[in-house]
Structure formats: C-alpha cells, structure tokens
C-alpha atoms as a PDB file:
ATOM      1  CA  MET A   1     -14.846  13.929 -12.033  1.00  0.00           C
ATOM      2  CA  ASN A   2     -12.747  12.479  -8.965  1.00  0.00           C
ATOM      3  CA  ALA A   3      -9.694  10.030  -9.202  1.00  0.00           C
ATOM      4  CA  PRO A   4     -10.396   6.085  -7.897  1.00  0.00           C
ATOM      5  CA  LEU A   5      -9.578   5.995  -4.400  1.00  0.00           C
ATOM      6  CA  SER A   6      -8.188   2.382  -3.085  1.00  0.00           C
ATOM      7  CA  LEU A   7      -8.039   1.379   0.812  1.00  0.00           C
ATOM      8  CA  GLU A   8      -5.924  -0.402   2.480  1.00  0.00           C
ATOM      9  CA  PHE A   9      -6.123  -2.854   5.359  1.00  0.00           C
ATOM     10  CA  PHE A  10      -4.173  -5.489   7.901  1.00  0.00           C
ATOM     11  CA  PRO A  11      -5.696  -8.547   8.878  1.00  0.00           C
ATOM     12  CA  PRO A  12      -6.980  -8.204  12.108  1.00  0.00           C
ATOM     13  CA  LYS A  13      -5.208 -10.757  15.132  1.00  0.00           C
ATOM     14  CA  THR A  14      -8.410 -11.462  17.273  1.00  0.00           C
ATOM     15  CA  PRO A  15     -12.196 -11.585  17.392  1.00  0.00           C
ATOM     16  CA  GLU A  16     -12.600  -7.877  18.690  1.00  0.00           C
ATOM     17  CA  GLY A  17     -10.287  -7.002  15.801  1.00  0.00           C
ATOM     18  CA  SER A  18     -12.425  -8.628  13.216  1.00  0.00           C
ATOM     19  CA  ALA A  19     -15.491  -7.403  14.677  1.00  0.00           C
ATOM     20  CA  LYS A  20     -14.146  -3.238  14.407  1.00  0.00           C
ATOM     21  CA  LEU A  21     -13.084  -3.878  11.178  1.00  0.00           C
ATOM     22  CA  ARG A  22     -15.879  -4.904   9.603  1.00  0.00           C
ATOM     23  CA  ALA A  23     -18.085  -1.959  11.330  1.00  0.00           C
ATOM     24  CA  VAL A  24     -14.655   0.557   9.879  1.00  0.00           C
ATOM     25  CA  ARG A  25     -15.184  -1.296   6.665  1.00  0.00           C
ATOM     26  CA  GLN A  26     -18.852  -0.068   6.414  1.00  0.00           C
ATOM     27  CA  GLU A  27     -18.342   3.333   6.945  1.00  0.00           C
ATOM     28  CA  LEU A  28     -15.885   3.696   4.701  1.00  0.00           C
ATOM     29  CA  TYR A  29     -17.273   1.857   2.042  1.00  0.00           C
ATOM     30  CA  ARG A  30     -19.389   5.149   1.525  1.00  0.00           C
ATOM     31  CA  LEU A  31     -16.205   6.300  -0.104  1.00  0.00           C
ATOM     32  CA  LYS A  32     -16.939   4.119  -3.124  1.00  0.00           C
ATOM     33  CA  PRO A  33     -13.178   2.577  -3.003  1.00  0.00           C
ATOM     34  CA  GLU A  34     -12.650   1.015  -6.108  1.00  0.00           C
ATOM     35  CA  PHE A  35     -10.626  -1.659  -4.500  1.00  0.00           C
ATOM     36  CA  CYS A  36      -9.891  -2.740  -0.942  1.00  0.00           C
ATOM     37  CA  SER A  37      -6.484  -4.437  -0.508  1.00  0.00           C
ATOM     38  CA  VAL A  38      -5.576  -6.377   2.634  1.00  0.00           C
ATOM     39  CA  THR A  39      -1.700  -6.733   3.761  1.00  0.00           C
ATOM     40  CA  TYR A  40       0.176 -10.239   4.059  1.00  0.00           C
ATOM     41  CA  GLY A  41       2.599 -10.360   7.314  1.00  0.00           C
ATOM     42  CA  ALA A  42       6.110 -11.387   6.666  1.00  0.00           C
ATOM     43  CA  GLY A  43       6.989 -14.911   5.303  1.00  0.00           C
ATOM     44  CA  GLY A  44       3.548 -14.889   4.958  1.00  0.00           C
ATOM     45  CA  SER A  45       2.719 -15.269   8.385  1.00  0.00           C
ATOM     46  CA  THR A  46      -0.633 -13.672   8.211  1.00  0.00           C
ATOM     47  CA  GLN A  47      -1.637 -15.422   5.053  1.00  0.00           C
ATOM     48  CA  THR A  48      -4.747 -17.298   6.501  1.00  0.00           C
ATOM     49  CA  GLY A  49      -5.974 -14.031   8.610  1.00  0.00           C
ATOM     50  CA  THR A  50      -5.164 -12.203   5.260  1.00  0.00           C
ATOM     51  CA  PHE A  51      -7.345 -14.784   2.525  1.00  0.00           C
ATOM     52  CA  ASP A  52     -10.358 -14.951   5.577  1.00  0.00           C
ATOM     53  CA  THR A  53     -10.090 -10.284   5.137  1.00  0.00           C
ATOM     54  CA  VAL A  54     -10.128 -10.523   1.875  1.00  0.00           C
ATOM     55  CA  ALA A  55     -12.968 -13.388   1.176  1.00  0.00           C
ATOM     56  CA  GLU A  56     -15.388 -10.967   3.714  1.00  0.00           C
ATOM     57  CA  ILE A  57     -14.621  -7.882   1.654  1.00  0.00           C
ATOM     58  CA  LEU A  58     -15.491  -9.809  -1.460  1.00  0.00           C
ATOM     59  CA  ASN A  59     -18.964 -11.244   0.300  1.00  0.00           C
ATOM     60  CA  GLU A  60     -19.889  -7.370   1.076  1.00  0.00           C
ATOM     61  CA  GLY A  61     -19.772  -7.161  -2.462  1.00  0.00           C
ATOM     62  CA  VAL A  62     -16.474  -5.000  -2.891  1.00  0.00           C
ATOM     63  CA  ALA A  63     -13.519  -5.506  -5.127  1.00  0.00           C
ATOM     64  CA  ALA A  64     -10.172  -6.802  -2.989  1.00  0.00           C
ATOM     65  CA  ALA A  65      -6.369  -7.242  -4.002  1.00  0.00           C
ATOM     66  CA  SER A  66      -4.355  -9.489  -1.798  1.00  0.00           C
ATOM     67  CA  HIS A  67      -1.432  -8.502  -1.002  1.00  0.00           C
ATOM     68  CA  LEU A  68       1.544 -11.871  -1.966  1.00  0.00           C
ATOM     69  CA  SER A  69       4.676 -11.388  -0.473  1.00  0.00           C
ATOM     70  CA  CYS A  70       7.289 -13.471  -1.903  1.00  0.00           C
ATOM     71  CA  ILE A  71      10.592 -14.170  -0.104  1.00  0.00           C
ATOM     72  CA  GLY A  72      11.396 -16.963   1.687  1.00  0.00           C
ATOM     73  CA  ALA A  73       8.803 -18.758  -0.549  1.00  0.00           C
ATOM     74  CA  THR A  74       8.342 -21.436  -2.759  1.00  0.00           C
ATOM     75  CA  ARG A  75       7.082 -21.523  -6.184  1.00  0.00           C
ATOM     76  CA  ASP A  76       4.767 -25.008  -5.350  1.00  0.00           C
ATOM     77  CA  ARG A  77       3.801 -22.539  -2.051  1.00  0.00           C
ATOM     78  CA  VAL A  78       2.697 -19.356  -4.860  1.00  0.00           C
ATOM     79  CA  ARG A  79       1.058 -21.797  -6.798  1.00  0.00           C
ATOM     80  CA  GLU A  80      -1.259 -22.859  -4.558  1.00  0.00           C
ATOM     81  CA  GLU A  81      -2.074 -19.814  -3.517  1.00  0.00           C
ATOM     82  CA  LEU A  82      -2.853 -18.613  -6.856  1.00  0.00           C
ATOM     83  CA  THR A  83      -5.187 -21.169  -7.283  1.00  0.00           C
ATOM     84  CA  GLN A  84      -6.864 -20.570  -3.908  1.00  0.00           C
ATOM     85  CA  LEU A  85      -7.149 -16.783  -4.631  1.00  0.00           C
ATOM     86  CA  ARG A  86      -8.524 -17.282  -8.283  1.00  0.00           C
ATOM     87  CA  SER A  87     -11.262 -19.681  -6.425  1.00  0.00           C
ATOM     88  CA  MET A  88     -12.348 -17.142  -3.694  1.00  0.00           C
ATOM     89  CA  GLY A  89     -12.527 -14.504  -7.359  1.00  0.00           C
ATOM     90  CA  VAL A  90      -9.967 -12.299  -6.428  1.00  0.00           C
ATOM     91  CA  GLN A  91      -8.674 -10.297  -9.800  1.00  0.00           C
ATOM     92  CA  ARG A  92      -6.265  -8.189  -8.274  1.00  0.00           C
ATOM     93  CA  LEU A  93      -2.707  -9.049  -6.450  1.00  0.00           C
ATOM     94  CA  VAL A  94      -0.113  -6.513  -4.510  1.00  0.00           C
ATOM     95  CA  ALA A  95       2.805  -8.506  -5.476  1.00  0.00           C
ATOM     96  CA  LEU A  96       5.786  -7.606  -3.094  1.00  0.00           C
ATOM     97  CA  ARG A  97       8.652  -9.196  -1.888  1.00  0.00           C
ATOM     98  CA  GLY A  98       8.035  -8.898   1.743  1.00  0.00           C
ATOM     99  CA  ASP A  99      10.326  -9.318   4.628  1.00  0.00           C
ATOM    100  CA  LEU A 100      11.715 -12.599   6.468  1.00  0.00           C
ATOM    101  CA  PRO A 101      10.249 -13.539   9.695  1.00  0.00           C
ATOM    102  CA  SER A 102      12.904 -12.746  12.611  1.00  0.00           C
ATOM    103  CA  GLY A 103      15.259 -15.414  12.700  1.00  0.00           C
ATOM    104  CA  TYR A 104      15.013 -16.864   9.124  1.00  0.00           C
ATOM    105  CA  GLY A 105      17.650 -17.706   6.903  1.00  0.00           C
ATOM    106  CA  ALA A 106      17.252 -15.914   3.208  1.00  0.00           C
ATOM    107  CA  GLY A 107      16.062 -19.075   1.952  1.00  0.00           C
ATOM    108  CA  GLY A 108      13.015 -19.447  -0.806  1.00  0.00           C
ATOM    109  CA  GLU A 109      13.439 -19.632  -4.308  1.00  0.00           C
ATOM    110  CA  PHE A 110      12.092 -15.332  -5.062  1.00  0.00           C
ATOM    111  CA  HIS A 111      14.646 -13.187  -4.315  1.00  0.00           C
ATOM    112  CA  TYR A 112      12.878  -9.627  -5.837  1.00  0.00           C
ATOM    113  CA  ALA A 113       8.845  -8.713  -6.401  1.00  0.00           C
ATOM    114  CA  SER A 114      10.038  -8.880  -9.749  1.00  0.00           C
ATOM    115  CA  ASP A 115      10.555 -12.760  -9.615  1.00  0.00           C
ATOM    116  CA  LEU A 116       7.396 -13.154  -8.263  1.00  0.00           C
ATOM    117  CA  ILE A 117       5.641 -10.653 -10.677  1.00  0.00           C
ATOM    118  CA  ALA A 118       6.598 -13.083 -14.054  1.00  0.00           C
ATOM    119  CA  PHE A 119       6.146 -16.238 -12.002  1.00  0.00           C
ATOM    120  CA  ILE A 120       2.952 -15.180 -11.803  1.00  0.00           C
ATOM    121  CA  ARG A 121       1.756 -14.278 -15.135  1.00  0.00           C
ATOM    122  CA  GLN A 122       3.458 -17.222 -15.868  1.00  0.00           C
ATOM    123  CA  GLU A 123       1.109 -19.106 -14.052  1.00  0.00           C
ATOM    124  CA  THR A 124      -2.105 -17.234 -14.765  1.00  0.00           C
ATOM    125  CA  GLY A 125      -1.595 -15.098 -17.597  1.00  0.00           C
ATOM    126  CA  ASP A 126      -3.794 -11.912 -17.246  1.00  0.00           C
ATOM    127  CA  ALA A 127      -6.382 -13.614 -14.933  1.00  0.00           C
ATOM    128  CA  PHE A 128      -4.799 -11.013 -11.934  1.00  0.00           C
ATOM    129  CA  ARG A 129      -4.084  -7.060 -12.048  1.00  0.00           C
ATOM    130  CA  ILE A 130      -0.857  -7.316 -10.702  1.00  0.00           C
ATOM    131  CA  GLU A 131      -0.074  -3.884  -8.664  1.00  0.00           C
ATOM    132  CA  ALA A 132       3.584  -3.373  -7.533  1.00  0.00           C
ATOM    133  CA  ALA A 133       5.232  -0.998  -5.271  1.00  0.00           C
ATOM    134  CA  CYS A 134       7.488   1.522  -5.452  1.00  0.00           C
ATOM    135  CA  TYR A 135       9.261   4.349  -3.434  1.00  0.00           C
ATOM    136  CA  PRO A 136       9.632   7.726  -4.136  1.00  0.00           C
ATOM    137  CA  GLU A 137      11.940   8.465  -1.373  1.00  0.00           C
ATOM    138  CA  VAL A 138      14.212   5.807  -2.279  1.00  0.00           C
ATOM    139  CA  HIS A 139      13.658   2.026  -0.780  1.00  0.00           C
ATOM    140  CA  PRO A 140      15.450   2.310   2.014  1.00  0.00           C
ATOM    141  CA  GLN A 141      17.930  -0.933   0.977  1.00  0.00           C
ATOM    142  CA  ALA A 142      18.233   0.242  -2.295  1.00  0.00           C
ATOM    143  CA  LYS A 143      22.443   1.230  -3.372  1.00  0.00           C
ATOM    144  CA  SER A 144      21.454   4.715  -5.215  1.00  0.00           C
ATOM    145  CA  PRO A 145      18.249   5.919  -6.501  1.00  0.00           C
ATOM    146  CA  ASP A 146      19.403   4.582 -10.211  1.00  0.00           C
ATOM    147  CA  SER A 147      19.362   0.608  -8.846  1.00  0.00           C
ATOM    148  CA  ASP A 148      15.872   1.828  -7.171  1.00  0.00           C
ATOM    149  CA  MET A 149      14.615   2.698 -10.487  1.00  0.00           C
ATOM    150  CA  GLN A 150      15.972  -0.277 -12.328  1.00  0.00           C
ATOM    151  CA  ALA A 151      13.771  -2.374  -9.324  1.00  0.00           C
ATOM    152  CA  PHE A 152      10.841  -0.167 -10.875  1.00  0.00           C
ATOM    153  CA  ALA A 153      11.769  -0.991 -14.421  1.00  0.00           C
ATOM    154  CA  GLN A 154      12.534  -4.792 -13.563  1.00  0.00           C
ATOM    155  CA  LYS A 155       8.903  -5.034 -12.122  1.00  0.00           C
ATOM    156  CA  VAL A 156       7.430  -3.081 -15.060  1.00  0.00           C
ATOM    157  CA  ARG A 157       8.761  -5.506 -17.499  1.00  0.00           C
ATOM    158  CA  ALA A 158       8.051  -8.639 -15.553  1.00  0.00           C
ATOM    159  CA  GLY A 159       4.199  -8.239 -16.046  1.00  0.00           C
ATOM    160  CA  ALA A 160       3.025  -5.328 -12.934  1.00  0.00           C
ATOM    161  CA  ASP A 161       0.069  -3.376 -14.438  1.00  0.00           C
ATOM    162  CA  SER A 162       0.160  -0.505 -11.340  1.00  0.00           C
ATOM    163  CA  ALA A 163       2.050   0.678  -8.392  1.00  0.00           C
ATOM    164  CA  ILE A 164       1.403   1.956  -5.211  1.00  0.00           C
ATOM    165  CA  THR A 165       3.836   4.017  -3.297  1.00  0.00           C
ATOM    166  CA  GLN A 166       5.006   4.209  -0.108  1.00  0.00           C
ATOM    167  CA  TYR A 167       3.830   7.206   1.269  1.00  0.00           C
ATOM    168  CA  PHE A 168       5.259  10.289   1.976  1.00  0.00           C
ATOM    169  CA  PHE A 169       4.844  13.669   2.781  1.00  0.00           C
ATOM    170  CA  ASN A 170       6.374  16.031   0.585  1.00  0.00           C
ATOM    171  CA  ALA A 171       4.480  16.095  -3.223  1.00  0.00           C
ATOM    172  CA  ASP A 172       7.957  16.674  -4.755  1.00  0.00           C
ATOM    173  CA  ALA A 173       9.565  13.216  -4.345  1.00  0.00           C
ATOM    174  CA  TYR A 174       6.802  12.363  -6.250  1.00  0.00           C
ATOM    175  CA  PHE A 175       6.727  14.421  -9.175  1.00  0.00           C
ATOM    176  CA  ARG A 176      10.075  13.509  -9.835  1.00  0.00           C
ATOM    177  CA  PHE A 177       9.799   9.915  -8.966  1.00  0.00           C
ATOM    178  CA  MET A 178       7.323  10.372 -11.916  1.00  0.00           C
ATOM    179  CA  ASP A 179       9.442  12.164 -14.347  1.00  0.00           C
ATOM    180  CA  GLU A 180      11.997   9.689 -13.889  1.00  0.00           C
ATOM    181  CA  ALA A 181       9.980   7.031 -14.438  1.00  0.00           C
ATOM    182  CA  ARG A 182       8.413   8.423 -17.859  1.00  0.00           C
ATOM    183  CA  LYS A 183      12.258   8.842 -19.218  1.00  0.00           C
ATOM    184  CA  ALA A 184      13.052   5.121 -18.339  1.00  0.00           C
ATOM    185  CA  GLN A 185       9.350   4.703 -20.693  1.00  0.00           C
ATOM    186  CA  LEU A 186       7.672   2.928 -17.983  1.00  0.00           C
ATOM    187  CA  ASP A 187       3.773   4.787 -18.312  1.00  0.00           C
ATOM    188  CA  ILE A 188       2.117   2.550 -15.948  1.00  0.00           C
ATOM    189  CA  PRO A 189      -0.070   4.618 -13.519  1.00  0.00           C
ATOM    190  CA  VAL A 190       1.564   5.373 -10.202  1.00  0.00           C
ATOM    191  CA  VAL A 191      -1.133   5.615  -7.290  1.00  0.00           C
ATOM    192  CA  PRO A 192       0.644   7.577  -4.622  1.00  0.00           C
ATOM    193  CA  GLY A 193      -0.048   5.829  -1.100  1.00  0.00           C
ATOM    194  CA  ILE A 194      -1.639   8.123   1.756  1.00  0.00           C
ATOM    195  CA  MET A 195      -0.753   7.660   5.327  1.00  0.00           C
ATOM    196  CA  PRO A 196      -3.593  10.049   7.962  1.00  0.00           C
ATOM    197  CA  ILE A 197      -1.366  11.351  10.631  1.00  0.00           C
ATOM    198  CA  THR A 198      -3.376  10.104  13.704  1.00  0.00           C
ATOM    199  CA  SER A 199      -0.506   9.978  16.115  1.00  0.00           C
ATOM    200  CA  SER A 200       2.854  11.060  16.036  1.00  0.00           C
ATOM    201  CA  THR A 201       4.500   8.432  18.295  1.00  0.00           C
ATOM    202  CA  GLN A 202       3.032   5.389  15.348  1.00  0.00           C
ATOM    203  CA  LEU A 203       4.190   7.913  12.343  1.00  0.00           C
ATOM    204  CA  MET A 204       7.623   8.174  13.817  1.00  0.00           C
ATOM    205  CA  ARG A 205       7.867   4.055  14.364  1.00  0.00           C
ATOM    206  CA  PHE A 206       6.629   3.573  11.388  1.00  0.00           C
ATOM    207  CA  SER A 207       8.644   6.102   8.670  1.00  0.00           C
ATOM    208  CA  ASP A 208      11.807   5.120  10.928  1.00  0.00           C
ATOM    209  CA  ALA A 209      11.492   1.260  10.051  1.00  0.00           C
ATOM    210  CA  CYS A 210      10.001   2.128   6.677  1.00  0.00           C
ATOM    211  CA  GLY A 211      12.451   4.710   5.318  1.00  0.00           C
ATOM    212  CA  ALA A 212       9.350   7.269   4.726  1.00  0.00           C
ATOM    213  CA  GLU A 213      10.374  10.783   5.277  1.00  0.00           C
ATOM    214  CA  ILE A 214       9.018  13.263   7.862  1.00  0.00           C
ATOM    215  CA  PRO A 215      10.205  16.607   6.437  1.00  0.00           C
ATOM    216  CA  ARG A 216      11.593  18.435  10.075  1.00  0.00           C
ATOM    217  CA  TRP A 217       8.652  21.004   9.823  1.00  0.00           C
ATOM    218  CA  ILE A 218       6.217  18.590  10.502  1.00  0.00           C
ATOM    219  CA  ARG A 219       8.235  16.127  12.934  1.00  0.00           C
ATOM    220  CA  LEU A 220       9.228  19.270  15.161  1.00  0.00           C
ATOM    221  CA  ARG A 221       5.188  20.688  14.935  1.00  0.00           C
ATOM    222  CA  LEU A 222       4.180  17.067  15.868  1.00  0.00           C
ATOM    223  CA  GLN A 223       6.689  16.991  18.708  1.00  0.00           C
ATOM    224  CA  ALA A 224       5.362  20.751  19.950  1.00  0.00           C
ATOM    225  CA  PHE A 225       1.953  18.752  20.207  1.00  0.00           C
ATOM    226  CA  GLY A 226       2.864  16.654  23.218  1.00  0.00           C
ATOM    227  CA  ASP A 227       0.562  14.389  23.846  1.00  0.00           C
ATOM    228  CA  ASP A 228      -2.492  16.486  22.517  1.00  0.00           C
ATOM    229  CA  THR A 229      -3.642  13.952  20.115  1.00  0.00           C
ATOM    230  CA  ALA A 230      -6.762  16.801  19.273  1.00  0.00           C
ATOM    231  CA  SER A 231      -4.601  19.100  17.686  1.00  0.00           C
ATOM    232  CA  ILE A 232      -1.824  16.128  16.332  1.00  0.00           C
ATOM    233  CA  LYS A 233      -5.120  15.150  14.745  1.00  0.00           C
ATOM    234  CA  ALA A 234      -6.071  18.674  13.329  1.00  0.00           C
ATOM    235  CA  PHE A 235      -2.676  19.561  12.214  1.00  0.00           C
ATOM    236  CA  GLY A 236      -2.299  15.686  10.117  1.00  0.00           C
ATOM    237  CA  LEU A 237      -5.629  16.489   8.602  1.00  0.00           C
ATOM    238  CA  ASP A 238      -4.267  20.011   7.393  1.00  0.00           C
ATOM    239  CA  VAL A 239      -0.770  18.504   5.965  1.00  0.00           C
ATOM    240  CA  VAL A 240      -3.036  15.444   5.001  1.00  0.00           C
ATOM    241  CA  THR A 241      -5.458  17.494   2.643  1.00  0.00           C
ATOM    242  CA  GLY A 242      -3.105  19.856   1.188  1.00  0.00           C
ATOM    243  CA  LEU A 243      -0.580  17.051   0.440  1.00  0.00           C
ATOM    244  CA  CYS A 244      -3.479  15.398  -1.346  1.00  0.00           C
ATOM    245  CA  GLU A 245      -5.040  18.173  -3.270  1.00  0.00           C
ATOM    246  CA  GLN A 246      -1.273  18.715  -4.900  1.00  0.00           C
ATOM    247  CA  LEU A 247      -1.460  15.080  -6.014  1.00  0.00           C
ATOM    248  CA  ARG A 248      -4.530  15.718  -7.410  1.00  0.00           C
ATOM    249  CA  ARG A 249      -3.874  18.738  -9.374  1.00  0.00           C
ATOM    250  CA  GLY A 250      -0.458  17.044 -10.909  1.00  0.00           C
ATOM    251  CA  GLY A 251      -2.109  14.486 -11.952  1.00  0.00           C
ATOM    252  CA  ALA A 252      -1.800  11.734  -9.953  1.00  0.00           C
ATOM    253  CA  PRO A 253      -4.045   9.048 -11.118  1.00  0.00           C
ATOM    254  CA  GLY A 254      -5.657   7.920  -7.600  1.00  0.00           C
ATOM    255  CA  LEU A 255      -5.101   7.735  -4.307  1.00  0.00           C
ATOM    256  CA  HIS A 256      -4.421   4.914  -1.393  1.00  0.00           C
ATOM    257  CA  PHE A 257      -4.924   5.603   1.671  1.00  0.00           C
ATOM    258  CA  TYR A 258      -3.416   3.538   4.912  1.00  0.00           C
ATOM    259  CA  THR A 259      -5.839   3.260   6.704  1.00  0.00           C
ATOM    260  CA  MET A 260      -4.318   1.856   9.936  1.00  0.00           C
ATOM    261  CA  ASN A 261      -8.091  -0.090  10.093  1.00  0.00           C
ATOM    262  CA  GLN A 262      -9.400   2.787  11.412  1.00  0.00           C
ATOM    263  CA  SER A 263     -12.263   5.055   9.204  1.00  0.00           C
ATOM    264  CA  ALA A 264     -12.305   8.457  10.597  1.00  0.00           C
ATOM    265  CA  ALA A 265      -8.971  10.161   9.716  1.00  0.00           C
ATOM    266  CA  THR A 266      -9.738   8.665   6.095  1.00  0.00           C
ATOM    267  CA  ALA A 267     -13.563   9.365   5.707  1.00  0.00           C
ATOM    268  CA  GLU A 268     -12.717  13.268   7.018  1.00  0.00           C
ATOM    269  CA  LEU A 269      -9.964  13.652   4.298  1.00  0.00           C
ATOM    270  CA  CYS A 270     -11.965  12.703   1.850  1.00  0.00           C
ATOM    271  CA  LYS A 271     -14.392  14.773   2.684  1.00  0.00           C
ATOM    272  CA  ARG A 272     -12.483  17.555   2.818  1.00  0.00           C
ATOM    273  CA  LEU A 273     -10.612  16.506  -0.801  1.00  0.00           C
ATOM    274  CA  GLY A 274     -14.642  16.227  -2.008  1.00  0.00           C
ATOM    275  CA  MET A 275     -14.725  12.678  -2.442  1.00  0.00           C
ATOM    276  CA  ILE A 276     -17.949  12.033  -0.247  1.00  0.00           C
END
C-alpha cells in the first residue's frame, strides 16, 4: 500500500493566479492527497489569501491545512485566527515561527514555533492536528546540529503531532535526522518535503534562501544544461524520483510535495512512483 501524500500551495496574488491554481488543484486531486496545505506570508502578510485558498480547498471536498506563523504576532491575533480556522472546518495546522517582513523589528509575543504550538494546544486542546517543521540539513540559523535537534524536541514536547521537513536532495540527511530523533525519543511521524526540479535558477535561489543543500553533482549538471528547460525537467524527474524511491524504501511515512502551484512535475513524479 502506498504511503500517503500531501501537497503544498501558496496563495495566489491575482485573479489569473487563482484561476490557474484551481485548475492545478483539480489535476492534482487525482493523486488523492491526504491533505493540501497553504503557505502563510511573512508576518501574516498573506493571511486573507491563505484563508481564502484553504476555504476553496475545503469546498472542493479535500482536507486543507493552513500554515500559521507567529513571529511578530500577538496572542490575541493568533487566538482570532484559530477561532476563524475552526469555524471554517480546518482540522490541521502547519505551525511555524515564520519570517518577519523586511523593515520590521523583532516584536510580537512569540519567539519560537514551539511557543506557538504550546499556545494552540492551550487554546484549542486537540481540535487541530499540528504539523511542525524540521530540518534534516540543520536550520540555517541554528547554532549547531544539537541545538537544532533540541528546537525540534521542544516542538514535539509542546504538542506537535507530526512534522514535515524542509526539502533536501540527500536521503542520508533524512535518515540520519530520523536516527537522532529516535535516540532523543522523539517518535512523531516525520514526512519528507519533496521539491520537484523544474527550473535551475529558481531552485538555486530558493535553496540559497532556505539553507537546503544542492549536491555539487546536481548543481553542475543543472548548470551544464544552461537554458535547455526540457533537459532540466527530465534530469529533475530522474533525480527526484530516485530520491522518493530511497525514502519510501527506508520507511518514510509519506511524501509532502512543494508543488509551486504547478501540476505537471508532481503528477509525473507520482505516476513514476506508482502513486496514481
């Protein structure tokens, strides 16, 4: 039996983007995702778009998870958002620290994602299944791998039910992270985040920003293709299919696809993996 899969979208900024994302979702619903998550901009900057997209997914008959970030937020604001999400019928949250919008000071009443998770539990009990984030290649702002694992432990102890990883292309990073988590008796399911490779410039930019490592052999091959998008996509499908196969063989409890609001690459990956 296939492990479950889930899909991530970001809220569109234009009516055209919204129409395109509706079409993309309909194509990807054939994969029978366990849920679809919707990202949340720095400092809550996309809150309306996030919640509107979540509501559309729910109305389409699919479980939806809202991202919720807390940096720069007050308890009152988060309390209001939790009330709104419950009234919409949301049952799953992806609880994150998040980024401050540029130009903002530290501000807010939460410092870490674990603070947000503890607050959600305190306010709503078991009303939500809470997903936390984790970083097999270590969070770029962590002082050390040990301190990063301690941060993950705090999220688990605060009440996270499961976790989704930052994307990566080295399966050993995930398996090593899982070994360390088990040693620390952190036994929640940890689902690998999967980034399809469709554009080398976009991938380099994202990876530099979030601290995800692109192995040198992948980076050099992508650079060698230049502007040959067909070769980049074909190579990307081979690389990411192989990664997913390794993860599934190694017991990963599911796969979470960062779709980038596109359907073709995720659908083809799942077809190759026998998930359709």
